[in-house]
Amino acid sequence: MNIDRIDHVEFHVADAPAAAAELADAFGFQLGGHPGQAALPAGRQAVQLRQGGIRLLLSSSDRADDPAAEFVSRHGDGVAVLALSCPDATAAFRQAVAAGAAPLAGPATHLEDGHEVVTAAVQGFGDVALRFVQRAGESAATASAGLLAELDHVAICVPAGELKSSVALMEQALGLRPIFHEYIEVGTQAMDSTVVQSDSGGVTFTLIEPDTSRSPGQIDGFLASHHGVGVQHLAFRTDDIARAVETYQRAGVRFLTTPGAYYDLLGERLGECEIPLETLRRLNILVDRDHGGQLFQIFTSSIHPRRTFFLEVIDRRGATTFGAANIKALYEAVERTAAPS
C-alpha cells in the first residue's frame, strides 16, 4: 500500500470553537471553517486549523448520541481520527479490511474547496479510526507559514501485551514497517516502544505498551485515565525550535523542564551541538543524535483534565530516527510533573 503522509488529524472535543481558538492563539494555527465534507449532523460543530503541511479538524456536538460527544464522554478531548493521504482510498480500504481491520465507513466521494475527495475508514486503535483520503487536487486554501512545518509523528499507548499485534496490523493493513525499537526503563517502571513508518516517511507512529511486570507508571496511568488505547501526543516539526519555543512561551505555552545535570553531561555525550548549549539549557530543549545528524525535542505540559494528552515540538537536523536518551528524558520529565508535591 502506498501511504503518502498524514492528511489531517481529527479531534473530538467538548467545545470545538473554544479548543480551536486556544490552539490558534498558542501555536499560530490559521482558523478556518469545516473543510466542505458532507453536511454535518445536527448539533455538530467543526473547525479546521492549518499551518504549513499540518491540518487539524476539531469536532464537537451538543447531542449526547453523537459519536463526537460519545468519544468525549469516554476519553475526554482527544484524537479520534488519523487521516492518511493515499493515491487510491478505495484500494487502501479494501486492503486494510482484507488484512483484518474492521470497516467503519466504505468509500464515499465529496467536494472540498472545489476538488473531489474520496474517503473511507477502518478501526485503528480502539476508538481511534484510520481514514484514507484521496484528493484529486490540493485545496486552494493556504495556511499561514508559521513556525510549524509538518506532523512528524504520532505516539499511541496500547495495553500490555498488544504491542506486537498492533505493529503487525500496521504492517499488514497499512504497509508500515518497523524502523526502531526501544525498551525504556525509568526507575522501577518500564515500557516497550516500536516505531512504524510508511515507505514515503510521511507517516510515523510510535506505539508504546507498559511492562506490567514492573511498577505501574505513566503509560498505565494513561490507559486507565483514557479508558483504553489512544493517542498520547502529536509531534509537530519545526525548522527553528529555539525560536518556536520562545514564541510559544510568550503566548503562554508551558513546557516540561529538564534538570541541569542533563546539560552538564551533553558535551561529553554528544560533542558539539548545532544549537548552543546555553540556549538548550535556558529553553529546556532536549538533544540527541543518530547516524544522520542531531535531533532536538521539547514537550508541553499537559493541560488535559485527565493529563492524557500533550504536544511535542521537534527539530530534525539530519536525524531520521529517535534518540533513546531523549525518550527516557521525556518520561522522567512527565513523571516529575505527575509526582505529588
C-alpha atoms as a PDB file:
ATOM      1  CA  MET A   1       0.000   0.000   0.000  1.00  0.00           C
ATOM      2  CA  ASN A   2       1.227   3.480  -0.844  1.00  0.00           C
ATOM      3  CA  ILE A   3       0.548   5.776   2.128  1.00  0.00           C
ATOM      4  CA  ASP A   4       1.958   9.231   1.445  1.00  0.00           C
ATOM      5  CA  ARG A   5       1.524  11.301   4.602  1.00  0.00           C
ATOM      6  CA  ILE A   6      -0.911  12.255   7.334  1.00  0.00           C
ATOM      7  CA  ASP A   7      -3.590  14.280   5.582  1.00  0.00           C
ATOM      8  CA  HIS A   8      -5.206  15.548   8.781  1.00  0.00           C
ATOM      9  CA  VAL A   9      -5.899  14.679  12.401  1.00  0.00           C
ATOM     10  CA  GLU A  10      -9.428  14.937  13.774  1.00  0.00           C
ATOM     11  CA  PHE A  11     -10.017  15.672  17.447  1.00  0.00           C
ATOM     12  CA  HIS A  12     -13.324  15.121  19.192  1.00  0.00           C
ATOM     13  CA  VAL A  13     -13.655  17.774  21.873  1.00  0.00           C
ATOM     14  CA  ALA A  14     -16.275  19.250  24.186  1.00  0.00           C
ATOM     15  CA  ASP A  15     -16.216  22.678  22.504  1.00  0.00           C
ATOM     16  CA  ALA A  16     -14.656  22.842  19.026  1.00  0.00           C
ATOM     17  CA  PRO A  17     -14.610  26.656  18.574  1.00  0.00           C
ATOM     18  CA  ALA A  18     -13.044  27.223  22.002  1.00  0.00           C
ATOM     19  CA  ALA A  19     -10.430  24.455  21.627  1.00  0.00           C
ATOM     20  CA  ALA A  20      -9.531  25.658  18.125  1.00  0.00           C
ATOM     21  CA  ALA A  21      -9.118  29.238  19.322  1.00  0.00           C
ATOM     22  CA  GLU A  22      -6.764  28.082  22.087  1.00  0.00           C
ATOM     23  CA  LEU A  23      -4.548  26.185  19.608  1.00  0.00           C
ATOM     24  CA  ALA A  24      -4.576  29.105  17.182  1.00  0.00           C
ATOM     25  CA  ASP A  25      -3.570  31.586  19.885  1.00  0.00           C
ATOM     26  CA  ALA A  26      -0.885  29.346  21.374  1.00  0.00           C
ATOM     27  CA  PHE A  27       0.715  27.859  18.256  1.00  0.00           C
ATOM     28  CA  GLY A  28      -0.175  30.215  15.429  1.00  0.00           C
ATOM     29  CA  PHE A  29      -2.593  27.984  13.511  1.00  0.00           C
ATOM     30  CA  GLN A  30      -4.860  29.578  10.934  1.00  0.00           C
ATOM     31  CA  LEU A  31      -8.538  29.141  11.722  1.00  0.00           C
ATOM     32  CA  GLY A  32     -10.978  28.021   9.055  1.00  0.00           C
ATOM     33  CA  GLY A  33     -14.437  26.595   8.714  1.00  0.00           C
ATOM     34  CA  HIS A  34     -15.417  22.983   8.166  1.00  0.00           C
ATOM     35  CA  PRO A  35     -13.488  21.885   5.051  1.00  0.00           C
ATOM     36  CA  GLY A  36     -16.535  21.005   2.947  1.00  0.00           C
ATOM     37  CA  GLN A  37     -17.316  17.362   3.606  1.00  0.00           C
ATOM     38  CA  ALA A  38     -20.904  16.121   3.616  1.00  0.00           C
ATOM     39  CA  ALA A  39     -23.301  18.169   5.722  1.00  0.00           C
ATOM     40  CA  LEU A  40     -22.609  17.940   9.447  1.00  0.00           C
ATOM     41  CA  PRO A  41     -25.033  16.009  11.667  1.00  0.00           C
ATOM     42  CA  ALA A  42     -27.498  18.070  13.707  1.00  0.00           C
ATOM     43  CA  GLY A  43     -25.791  19.588  16.736  1.00  0.00           C
ATOM     44  CA  ARG A  44     -22.255  19.093  15.366  1.00  0.00           C
ATOM     45  CA  GLN A  45     -19.680  21.873  15.106  1.00  0.00           C
ATOM     46  CA  ALA A  46     -16.358  21.560  13.298  1.00  0.00           C
ATOM     47  CA  VAL A  47     -13.404  23.920  12.910  1.00  0.00           C
ATOM     48  CA  GLN A  48     -10.316  23.406  10.765  1.00  0.00           C
ATOM     49  CA  LEU A  49      -6.808  24.563  11.702  1.00  0.00           C
ATOM     50  CA  ARG A  50      -3.912  24.759   9.272  1.00  0.00           C
ATOM     51  CA  GLN A  51      -0.229  25.616   9.417  1.00  0.00           C
ATOM     52  CA  GLY A  52       2.436  24.506   6.987  1.00  0.00           C
ATOM     53  CA  GLY A  53       1.555  20.943   5.987  1.00  0.00           C
ATOM     54  CA  ILE A  54      -0.458  20.343   9.186  1.00  0.00           C
ATOM     55  CA  ARG A  55      -4.251  20.089   9.114  1.00  0.00           C
ATOM     56  CA  LEU A  56      -6.273  19.628  12.297  1.00  0.00           C
ATOM     57  CA  LEU A  57     -10.043  19.197  12.407  1.00  0.00           C
ATOM     58  CA  LEU A  58     -11.804  19.768  15.747  1.00  0.00           C
ATOM     59  CA  SER A  59     -15.355  18.422  16.099  1.00  0.00           C
ATOM     60  CA  SER A  60     -17.874  18.681  18.938  1.00  0.00           C
ATOM     61  CA  SER A  61     -21.585  18.092  19.437  1.00  0.00           C
ATOM     62  CA  ASP A  62     -24.313  19.113  21.862  1.00  0.00           C
ATOM     63  CA  ARG A  63     -26.150  15.828  21.232  1.00  0.00           C
ATOM     64  CA  ALA A  64     -25.242  13.038  23.660  1.00  0.00           C
ATOM     65  CA  ASP A  65     -25.781  10.330  20.999  1.00  0.00           C
ATOM     66  CA  ASP A  66     -23.380  11.942  18.508  1.00  0.00           C
ATOM     67  CA  PRO A  67     -20.126   9.932  18.050  1.00  0.00           C
ATOM     68  CA  ALA A  68     -18.070  13.021  18.896  1.00  0.00           C
ATOM     69  CA  ALA A  69     -19.902  13.504  22.194  1.00  0.00           C
ATOM     70  CA  GLU A  70     -19.698   9.786  22.979  1.00  0.00           C
ATOM     71  CA  PHE A  71     -15.918   9.849  22.404  1.00  0.00           C
ATOM     72  CA  VAL A  72     -15.509  12.828  24.743  1.00  0.00           C
ATOM     73  CA  SER A  73     -17.664  11.144  27.376  1.00  0.00           C
ATOM     74  CA  ARG A  74     -15.404   8.069  27.365  1.00  0.00           C
ATOM     75  CA  HIS A  75     -11.985   9.629  26.829  1.00  0.00           C
ATOM     76  CA  GLY A  76     -12.188  13.393  27.255  1.00  0.00           C
ATOM     77  CA  ASP A  77     -10.959  15.637  24.437  1.00  0.00           C
ATOM     78  CA  GLY A  78      -8.626  13.670  22.187  1.00  0.00           C
ATOM     79  CA  VAL A  79      -7.588  12.378  18.792  1.00  0.00           C
ATOM     80  CA  ALA A  80     -10.411  10.369  17.217  1.00  0.00           C
ATOM     81  CA  VAL A  81      -9.240  10.054  13.593  1.00  0.00           C
ATOM     82  CA  LEU A  82      -5.846   9.756  11.916  1.00  0.00           C
ATOM     83  CA  ALA A  83      -6.393  10.539   8.231  1.00  0.00           C
ATOM     84  CA  LEU A  84      -3.888   9.065   5.792  1.00  0.00           C
ATOM     85  CA  SER A  85      -3.265  10.509   2.340  1.00  0.00           C
ATOM     86  CA  CYS A  86      -3.042   7.893  -0.413  1.00  0.00           C
ATOM     87  CA  PRO A  87      -3.472   7.743  -4.215  1.00  0.00           C
ATOM     88  CA  ASP A  88      -6.380   5.256  -4.065  1.00  0.00           C
ATOM     89  CA  ALA A  89      -8.567   5.365  -0.944  1.00  0.00           C
ATOM     90  CA  THR A  90     -10.825   2.554  -2.176  1.00  0.00           C
ATOM     91  CA  ALA A  91      -7.920   0.165  -2.754  1.00  0.00           C
ATOM     92  CA  ALA A  92      -6.359   1.115   0.597  1.00  0.00           C
ATOM     93  CA  PHE A  93      -9.654   0.464   2.384  1.00  0.00           C
ATOM     94  CA  ARG A  94     -10.068  -2.942   0.741  1.00  0.00           C
ATOM     95  CA  GLN A  95      -6.500  -3.967   1.554  1.00  0.00           C
ATOM     96  CA  ALA A  96      -6.850  -2.910   5.183  1.00  0.00           C
ATOM     97  CA  VAL A  97     -10.119  -4.830   5.603  1.00  0.00           C
ATOM     98  CA  ALA A  98      -8.627  -7.903   3.920  1.00  0.00           C
ATOM     99  CA  ALA A  99      -5.753  -7.703   6.427  1.00  0.00           C
ATOM    100  CA  GLY A 100      -8.157  -7.790   9.363  1.00  0.00           C
ATOM    101  CA  ALA A 101      -9.013  -4.143  10.037  1.00  0.00           C
ATOM    102  CA  ALA A 102     -12.672  -3.611  10.957  1.00  0.00           C
ATOM    103  CA  PRO A 103     -14.503  -1.423   8.397  1.00  0.00           C
ATOM    104  CA  LEU A 104     -16.144   1.751   9.712  1.00  0.00           C
ATOM    105  CA  ALA A 105     -17.137   3.647   6.543  1.00  0.00           C
ATOM    106  CA  GLY A 106     -16.961   2.493   2.937  1.00  0.00           C
ATOM    107  CA  PRO A 107     -15.570   4.676   0.134  1.00  0.00           C
ATOM    108  CA  ALA A 108     -17.509   7.904  -0.405  1.00  0.00           C
ATOM    109  CA  THR A 109     -16.878  10.962  -2.574  1.00  0.00           C
ATOM    110  CA  HIS A 110     -17.446  14.632  -1.722  1.00  0.00           C
ATOM    111  CA  LEU A 111     -16.214  18.034  -2.807  1.00  0.00           C
ATOM    112  CA  GLU A 112     -13.759  20.026  -0.725  1.00  0.00           C
ATOM    113  CA  ASP A 113     -12.818  23.541  -1.855  1.00  0.00           C
ATOM    114  CA  GLY A 114     -13.925  22.589  -5.357  1.00  0.00           C
ATOM    115  CA  HIS A 115     -11.844  19.407  -5.515  1.00  0.00           C
ATOM    116  CA  GLU A 116     -13.077  15.817  -5.440  1.00  0.00           C
ATOM    117  CA  VAL A 117     -12.080  13.887  -2.331  1.00  0.00           C
ATOM    118  CA  VAL A 118     -12.610  10.158  -1.715  1.00  0.00           C
ATOM    119  CA  THR A 119     -12.581   8.882   1.873  1.00  0.00           C
ATOM    120  CA  ALA A 120     -13.040   5.540   3.638  1.00  0.00           C
ATOM    121  CA  ALA A 121     -12.334   4.457   7.214  1.00  0.00           C
ATOM    122  CA  VAL A 122     -11.362   1.435   9.303  1.00  0.00           C
ATOM    123  CA  GLN A 123     -10.875   0.919  13.023  1.00  0.00           C
ATOM    124  CA  GLY A 124      -7.321   1.674  14.023  1.00  0.00           C
ATOM    125  CA  PHE A 125      -6.501   1.789  17.734  1.00  0.00           C
ATOM    126  CA  GLY A 126      -9.524   1.311  19.992  1.00  0.00           C
ATOM    127  CA  ASP A 127     -11.802   4.282  19.305  1.00  0.00           C
ATOM    128  CA  VAL A 128      -9.220   5.937  17.033  1.00  0.00           C
ATOM    129  CA  ALA A 129     -10.208   5.483  13.383  1.00  0.00           C
ATOM    130  CA  LEU A 130      -7.917   5.410  10.363  1.00  0.00           C
ATOM    131  CA  ARG A 131      -9.368   7.423   7.488  1.00  0.00           C
ATOM    132  CA  PHE A 132      -7.999   7.004   3.955  1.00  0.00           C
ATOM    133  CA  VAL A 133      -8.070  10.250   1.953  1.00  0.00           C
ATOM    134  CA  GLN A 134      -7.622  10.539  -1.816  1.00  0.00           C
ATOM    135  CA  ARG A 135      -7.518  14.091  -3.170  1.00  0.00           C
ATOM    136  CA  ALA A 136      -7.951  14.911  -6.847  1.00  0.00           C
ATOM    137  CA  GLY A 137      -6.302  18.291  -6.230  1.00  0.00           C
ATOM    138  CA  GLU A 138      -4.950  20.269  -3.310  1.00  0.00           C
ATOM    139  CA  SER A 139      -7.226  22.676  -1.532  1.00  0.00           C
ATOM    140  CA  ALA A 140      -6.994  26.204  -2.804  1.00  0.00           C
ATOM    141  CA  ALA A 141      -6.890  27.436   0.781  1.00  0.00           C
ATOM    142  CA  THR A 142      -3.406  28.055   2.102  1.00  0.00           C
ATOM    143  CA  ALA A 143      -2.230  28.254   5.677  1.00  0.00           C
ATOM    144  CA  SER A 144      -0.002  30.887   7.189  1.00  0.00           C
ATOM    145  CA  ALA A 145       3.675  29.985   7.030  1.00  0.00           C
ATOM    146  CA  GLY A 146       4.067  29.849  10.806  1.00  0.00           C
ATOM    147  CA  LEU A 147       6.832  28.031  12.643  1.00  0.00           C
ATOM    148  CA  LEU A 148       5.440  24.508  12.281  1.00  0.00           C
ATOM    149  CA  ALA A 149       6.063  22.622   9.042  1.00  0.00           C
ATOM    150  CA  GLU A 150       4.675  19.074   9.302  1.00  0.00           C
ATOM    151  CA  LEU A 151       3.253  16.462  11.645  1.00  0.00           C
ATOM    152  CA  ASP A 152       6.392  14.476  12.436  1.00  0.00           C
ATOM    153  CA  HIS A 153       4.898  11.512  14.313  1.00  0.00           C
ATOM    154  CA  VAL A 154       2.020  10.281  16.460  1.00  0.00           C
ATOM    155  CA  ALA A 155       2.565   8.490  19.807  1.00  0.00           C
ATOM    156  CA  ILE A 156      -0.035   5.861  20.699  1.00  0.00           C
ATOM    157  CA  CYS A 157      -0.365   3.985  24.011  1.00  0.00           C
ATOM    158  CA  VAL A 158      -1.622   0.394  23.798  1.00  0.00           C
ATOM    159  CA  PRO A 159      -2.421  -2.040  26.629  1.00  0.00           C
ATOM    160  CA  ALA A 160       0.222  -4.505  27.845  1.00  0.00           C
ATOM    161  CA  GLY A 161       0.525  -7.477  25.525  1.00  0.00           C
ATOM    162  CA  GLU A 162      -0.880  -5.655  22.467  1.00  0.00           C
ATOM    163  CA  LEU A 163       2.255  -4.025  21.059  1.00  0.00           C
ATOM    164  CA  LYS A 164       3.230  -6.891  18.750  1.00  0.00           C
ATOM    165  CA  SER A 165      -0.293  -7.370  17.392  1.00  0.00           C
ATOM    166  CA  SER A 166      -0.696  -3.608  16.853  1.00  0.00           C
ATOM    167  CA  VAL A 167       2.590  -3.447  14.948  1.00  0.00           C
ATOM    168  CA  ALA A 168       1.575  -6.484  12.882  1.00  0.00           C
ATOM    169  CA  LEU A 169      -1.747  -4.853  11.968  1.00  0.00           C
ATOM    170  CA  MET A 170       0.040  -1.673  10.862  1.00  0.00           C
ATOM    171  CA  GLU A 171       2.360  -3.759   8.691  1.00  0.00           C
ATOM    172  CA  GLN A 172      -0.380  -5.865   7.111  1.00  0.00           C
ATOM    173  CA  ALA A 173      -3.175  -3.295   6.854  1.00  0.00           C
ATOM    174  CA  LEU A 174      -1.191  -0.150   6.031  1.00  0.00           C
ATOM    175  CA  GLY A 175       2.150  -1.375   4.748  1.00  0.00           C
ATOM    176  CA  LEU A 176       4.051   0.428   7.508  1.00  0.00           C
ATOM    177  CA  ARG A 177       7.343  -1.102   8.617  1.00  0.00           C
ATOM    178  CA  PRO A 178       9.153  -1.135  11.983  1.00  0.00           C
ATOM    179  CA  ILE A 179      12.166   1.178  11.973  1.00  0.00           C
ATOM    180  CA  PHE A 180      13.055   1.491  15.671  1.00  0.00           C
ATOM    181  CA  HIS A 181      12.534  -0.444  18.880  1.00  0.00           C
ATOM    182  CA  GLU A 182      13.397   0.583  22.419  1.00  0.00           C
ATOM    183  CA  TYR A 183      12.832  -0.885  25.881  1.00  0.00           C
ATOM    184  CA  ILE A 184      12.754   2.109  28.218  1.00  0.00           C
ATOM    185  CA  GLU A 185      13.399   1.920  31.961  1.00  0.00           C
ATOM    186  CA  VAL A 186      12.578   4.825  34.266  1.00  0.00           C
ATOM    187  CA  GLY A 187      13.339   3.904  37.860  1.00  0.00           C
ATOM    188  CA  THR A 188      11.236   0.869  38.738  1.00  0.00           C
ATOM    189  CA  GLN A 189       8.967   1.384  35.710  1.00  0.00           C
ATOM    190  CA  ALA A 190       9.490   0.194  32.144  1.00  0.00           C
ATOM    191  CA  MET A 191       7.785   0.291  28.768  1.00  0.00           C
ATOM    192  CA  ASP A 192       8.281  -1.171  25.305  1.00  0.00           C
ATOM    193  CA  SER A 193       8.186   1.037  22.206  1.00  0.00           C
ATOM    194  CA  THR A 194       8.188   0.285  18.476  1.00  0.00           C
ATOM    195  CA  VAL A 195       8.172   2.912  15.725  1.00  0.00           C
ATOM    196  CA  VAL A 196       6.486   2.054  12.415  1.00  0.00           C
ATOM    197  CA  GLN A 197       6.751   4.177   9.296  1.00  0.00           C
ATOM    198  CA  SER A 198       5.460   4.335   5.728  1.00  0.00           C
ATOM    199  CA  ASP A 199       7.886   3.834   2.845  1.00  0.00           C
ATOM    200  CA  SER A 200       7.388   7.516   1.998  1.00  0.00           C
ATOM    201  CA  GLY A 201       8.498   8.522   5.507  1.00  0.00           C
ATOM    202  CA  GLY A 202       5.406  10.726   5.730  1.00  0.00           C
ATOM    203  CA  VAL A 203       3.557   8.606   8.315  1.00  0.00           C
ATOM    204  CA  THR A 204       5.253   7.621  11.581  1.00  0.00           C
ATOM    205  CA  PHE A 205       3.520   6.013  14.552  1.00  0.00           C
ATOM    206  CA  THR A 206       5.291   5.396  17.862  1.00  0.00           C
ATOM    207  CA  LEU A 207       3.497   2.547  19.662  1.00  0.00           C
ATOM    208  CA  ILE A 208       4.086   2.148  23.413  1.00  0.00           C
ATOM    209  CA  GLU A 209       2.963  -0.526  25.889  1.00  0.00           C
ATOM    210  CA  PRO A 210       3.685  -0.729  29.636  1.00  0.00           C
ATOM    211  CA  ASP A 211       5.713  -3.531  31.180  1.00  0.00           C
ATOM    212  CA  THR A 212       3.282  -4.732  33.821  1.00  0.00           C
ATOM    213  CA  SER A 213       5.951  -6.859  35.499  1.00  0.00           C
ATOM    214  CA  ARG A 214       7.404  -3.573  36.772  1.00  0.00           C
ATOM    215  CA  SER A 215       5.866  -0.808  38.895  1.00  0.00           C
ATOM    216  CA  PRO A 216       2.862   0.976  37.358  1.00  0.00           C
ATOM    217  CA  GLY A 217       3.858   4.146  35.521  1.00  0.00           C
ATOM    218  CA  GLN A 218       2.548   6.858  33.268  1.00  0.00           C
ATOM    219  CA  ILE A 219       1.565   4.542  30.400  1.00  0.00           C
ATOM    220  CA  ASP A 220      -0.540   2.525  32.841  1.00  0.00           C
ATOM    221  CA  GLY A 221      -1.927   5.840  34.063  1.00  0.00           C
ATOM    222  CA  PHE A 222      -2.768   6.968  30.531  1.00  0.00           C
ATOM    223  CA  LEU A 223      -4.590   3.722  29.744  1.00  0.00           C
ATOM    224  CA  ALA A 224      -6.590   3.944  32.976  1.00  0.00           C
ATOM    225  CA  SER A 225      -7.495   7.639  32.674  1.00  0.00           C
ATOM    226  CA  HIS A 226      -8.146   7.487  28.925  1.00  0.00           C
ATOM    227  CA  HIS A 227     -10.137   4.265  29.326  1.00  0.00           C
ATOM    228  CA  GLY A 228      -8.071   2.291  26.844  1.00  0.00           C
ATOM    229  CA  VAL A 229      -5.753   2.683  23.882  1.00  0.00           C
ATOM    230  CA  GLY A 230      -5.338   6.170  22.455  1.00  0.00           C
ATOM    231  CA  VAL A 231      -3.079   8.925  21.140  1.00  0.00           C
ATOM    232  CA  GLN A 232      -0.789  10.277  23.852  1.00  0.00           C
ATOM    233  CA  HIS A 233       0.853  13.067  21.850  1.00  0.00           C
ATOM    234  CA  LEU A 234       1.359  14.630  18.437  1.00  0.00           C
ATOM    235  CA  ALA A 235       4.805  15.849  17.398  1.00  0.00           C
ATOM    236  CA  PHE A 236       4.995  18.960  15.204  1.00  0.00           C
ATOM    237  CA  ARG A 237       8.190  19.505  13.216  1.00  0.00           C
ATOM    238  CA  THR A 238       9.815  22.920  13.059  1.00  0.00           C
ATOM    239  CA  ASP A 239      12.985  24.154  11.367  1.00  0.00           C
ATOM    240  CA  ASP A 240      13.847  26.522  14.238  1.00  0.00           C
ATOM    241  CA  ILE A 241      12.998  25.008  17.612  1.00  0.00           C
ATOM    242  CA  ALA A 242      14.625  27.738  19.700  1.00  0.00           C
ATOM    243  CA  ARG A 243      12.586  30.463  18.009  1.00  0.00           C
ATOM    244  CA  ALA A 244       9.445  28.316  18.195  1.00  0.00           C
ATOM    245  CA  VAL A 245       9.808  27.663  21.936  1.00  0.00           C
ATOM    246  CA  GLU A 246      10.466  31.322  22.714  1.00  0.00           C
ATOM    247  CA  THR A 247       7.438  32.329  20.624  1.00  0.00           C
ATOM    248  CA  TYR A 248       5.120  29.786  22.217  1.00  0.00           C
ATOM    249  CA  GLN A 249       6.299  30.611  25.737  1.00  0.00           C
ATOM    250  CA  ARG A 250       5.371  34.244  25.127  1.00  0.00           C
ATOM    251  CA  ALA A 251       1.927  33.001  24.034  1.00  0.00           C
ATOM    252  CA  GLY A 252       1.540  31.191  27.365  1.00  0.00           C
ATOM    253  CA  VAL A 253       2.526  27.627  26.438  1.00  0.00           C
ATOM    254  CA  ARG A 254       4.160  25.735  29.304  1.00  0.00           C
ATOM    255  CA  PHE A 255       6.848  23.158  28.532  1.00  0.00           C
ATOM    256  CA  LEU A 256       8.326  20.379  30.625  1.00  0.00           C
ATOM    257  CA  THR A 257      11.562  21.265  32.388  1.00  0.00           C
ATOM    258  CA  THR A 258      14.813  19.316  32.411  1.00  0.00           C
ATOM    259  CA  PRO A 259      17.322  19.015  35.292  1.00  0.00           C
ATOM    260  CA  GLY A 260      20.546  20.955  34.876  1.00  0.00           C
ATOM    261  CA  ALA A 261      22.570  17.738  35.160  1.00  0.00           C
ATOM    262  CA  TYR A 262      21.204  16.679  31.745  1.00  0.00           C
ATOM    263  CA  TYR A 263      23.016  19.624  30.125  1.00  0.00           C
ATOM    264  CA  ASP A 264      26.138  19.216  32.243  1.00  0.00           C
ATOM    265  CA  LEU A 265      26.727  15.862  30.547  1.00  0.00           C
ATOM    266  CA  LEU A 266      25.743  16.827  26.995  1.00  0.00           C
ATOM    267  CA  GLY A 267      29.160  17.843  25.770  1.00  0.00           C
ATOM    268  CA  GLU A 268      30.686  14.567  26.911  1.00  0.00           C
ATOM    269  CA  ARG A 269      27.834  12.517  25.481  1.00  0.00           C
ATOM    270  CA  LEU A 270      27.208  14.246  22.146  1.00  0.00           C
ATOM    271  CA  GLY A 271      30.081  16.584  21.418  1.00  0.00           C
ATOM    272  CA  GLU A 272      29.328  19.900  19.707  1.00  0.00           C
ATOM    273  CA  CYS A 273      25.630  20.743  19.254  1.00  0.00           C
ATOM    274  CA  GLU A 274      24.197  22.711  16.357  1.00  0.00           C
ATOM    275  CA  ILE A 275      22.241  24.832  18.846  1.00  0.00           C
ATOM    276  CA  PRO A 276      24.355  26.461  21.612  1.00  0.00           C
ATOM    277  CA  LEU A 277      24.284  24.590  24.907  1.00  0.00           C
ATOM    278  CA  GLU A 278      23.296  27.754  26.776  1.00  0.00           C
ATOM    279  CA  THR A 279      20.203  28.089  24.557  1.00  0.00           C
ATOM    280  CA  LEU A 280      19.231  24.458  25.066  1.00  0.00           C
ATOM    281  CA  ARG A 281      19.600  24.779  28.846  1.00  0.00           C
ATOM    282  CA  ARG A 282      17.669  28.064  29.015  1.00  0.00           C
ATOM    283  CA  LEU A 283      14.766  26.701  26.968  1.00  0.00           C
ATOM    284  CA  ASN A 284      14.802  23.112  28.344  1.00  0.00           C
ATOM    285  CA  ILE A 285      15.272  21.624  24.863  1.00  0.00           C
ATOM    286  CA  LEU A 286      16.442  18.005  24.660  1.00  0.00           C
ATOM    287  CA  VAL A 287      19.028  16.891  22.105  1.00  0.00           C
ATOM    288  CA  ASP A 288      20.248  13.553  20.782  1.00  0.00           C
ATOM    289  CA  ARG A 289      21.779  12.222  17.603  1.00  0.00           C
ATOM    290  CA  ASP A 290      21.631   9.248  15.275  1.00  0.00           C
ATOM    291  CA  HIS A 291      23.694   8.204  12.254  1.00  0.00           C
ATOM    292  CA  GLY A 292      22.184  11.036  10.179  1.00  0.00           C
ATOM    293  CA  GLY A 293      22.514  14.014  12.477  1.00  0.00           C
ATOM    294  CA  GLN A 294      21.040  15.724  15.507  1.00  0.00           C
ATOM    295  CA  LEU A 295      17.525  15.760  16.907  1.00  0.00           C
ATOM    296  CA  PHE A 296      16.047  18.480  19.158  1.00  0.00           C
ATOM    297  CA  GLN A 297      12.779  17.983  21.079  1.00  0.00           C
ATOM    298  CA  ILE A 298      10.607  19.587  23.728  1.00  0.00           C
ATOM    299  CA  PHE A 299       7.237  18.586  25.193  1.00  0.00           C
ATOM    300  CA  THR A 300       4.391  20.693  26.514  1.00  0.00           C
ATOM    301  CA  SER A 301       2.989  20.240  29.987  1.00  0.00           C
ATOM    302  CA  SER A 302      -0.368  18.527  29.699  1.00  0.00           C
ATOM    303  CA  ILE A 303      -3.349  20.795  30.325  1.00  0.00           C
ATOM    304  CA  HIS A 304      -5.806  17.974  29.655  1.00  0.00           C
ATOM    305  CA  PRO A 305      -8.125  17.432  32.649  1.00  0.00           C
ATOM    306  CA  ARG A 306      -7.156  13.738  32.650  1.00  0.00           C
ATOM    307  CA  ARG A 307      -3.482  14.527  31.842  1.00  0.00           C
ATOM    308  CA  THR A 308      -3.734  12.113  28.922  1.00  0.00           C
ATOM    309  CA  PHE A 309      -2.567  14.309  26.036  1.00  0.00           C
ATOM    310  CA  PHE A 310       0.263  16.723  25.267  1.00  0.00           C
ATOM    311  CA  LEU A 311       2.181  18.090  22.283  1.00  0.00           C
ATOM    312  CA  GLU A 312       5.775  17.876  21.127  1.00  0.00           C
ATOM    313  CA  VAL A 313       7.864  20.248  19.041  1.00  0.00           C
ATOM    314  CA  ILE A 314      10.710  18.555  17.162  1.00  0.00           C
ATOM    315  CA  ASP A 315      13.560  19.857  15.003  1.00  0.00           C
ATOM    316  CA  ARG A 316      15.480  17.350  12.877  1.00  0.00           C
ATOM    317  CA  ARG A 317      18.950  18.400  11.768  1.00  0.00           C
ATOM    318  CA  GLY A 318      19.635  15.301   9.673  1.00  0.00           C
ATOM    319  CA  ALA A 319      18.391  12.763  12.249  1.00  0.00           C
ATOM    320  CA  THR A 320      15.735  10.393  10.909  1.00  0.00           C
ATOM    321  CA  THR A 321      15.071   8.150  13.928  1.00  0.00           C
ATOM    322  CA  PHE A 322      14.521   8.824  17.649  1.00  0.00           C
ATOM    323  CA  GLY A 323      17.127   9.484  20.317  1.00  0.00           C
ATOM    324  CA  ALA A 324      16.892   6.823  23.014  1.00  0.00           C
ATOM    325  CA  ALA A 325      18.236   9.226  25.636  1.00  0.00           C
ATOM    326  CA  ASN A 326      15.525  11.754  24.737  1.00  0.00           C
ATOM    327  CA  ILE A 327      12.777   9.167  25.127  1.00  0.00           C
ATOM    328  CA  LYS A 328      13.939   8.345  28.630  1.00  0.00           C
ATOM    329  CA  ALA A 329      14.341  12.031  29.486  1.00  0.00           C
ATOM    330  CA  LEU A 330      10.766  12.700  28.333  1.00  0.00           C
ATOM    331  CA  TYR A 331       9.264  10.048  30.558  1.00  0.00           C
ATOM    332  CA  GLU A 332      11.371  11.127  33.512  1.00  0.00           C
ATOM    333  CA  ALA A 333      10.100  14.695  32.987  1.00  0.00           C
ATOM    334  CA  VAL A 334       6.479  13.544  32.802  1.00  0.00           C
ATOM    335  CA  GLU A 335       6.952  11.500  35.982  1.00  0.00           C
ATOM    336  CA  ARG A 336       8.271  14.592  37.785  1.00  0.00           C
ATOM    337  CA  THR A 337       5.206  16.633  36.815  1.00  0.00           C
ATOM    338  CA  ALA A 338       2.878  13.806  37.857  1.00  0.00           C
ATOM    339  CA  ALA A 339       4.504  13.318  41.259  1.00  0.00           C
ATOM    340  CA  PRO A 340       2.654  14.791  44.270  1.00  0.00           C
ATOM    341  CA  SER A 341       4.188  17.972  45.659  1.00  0.00           C
END
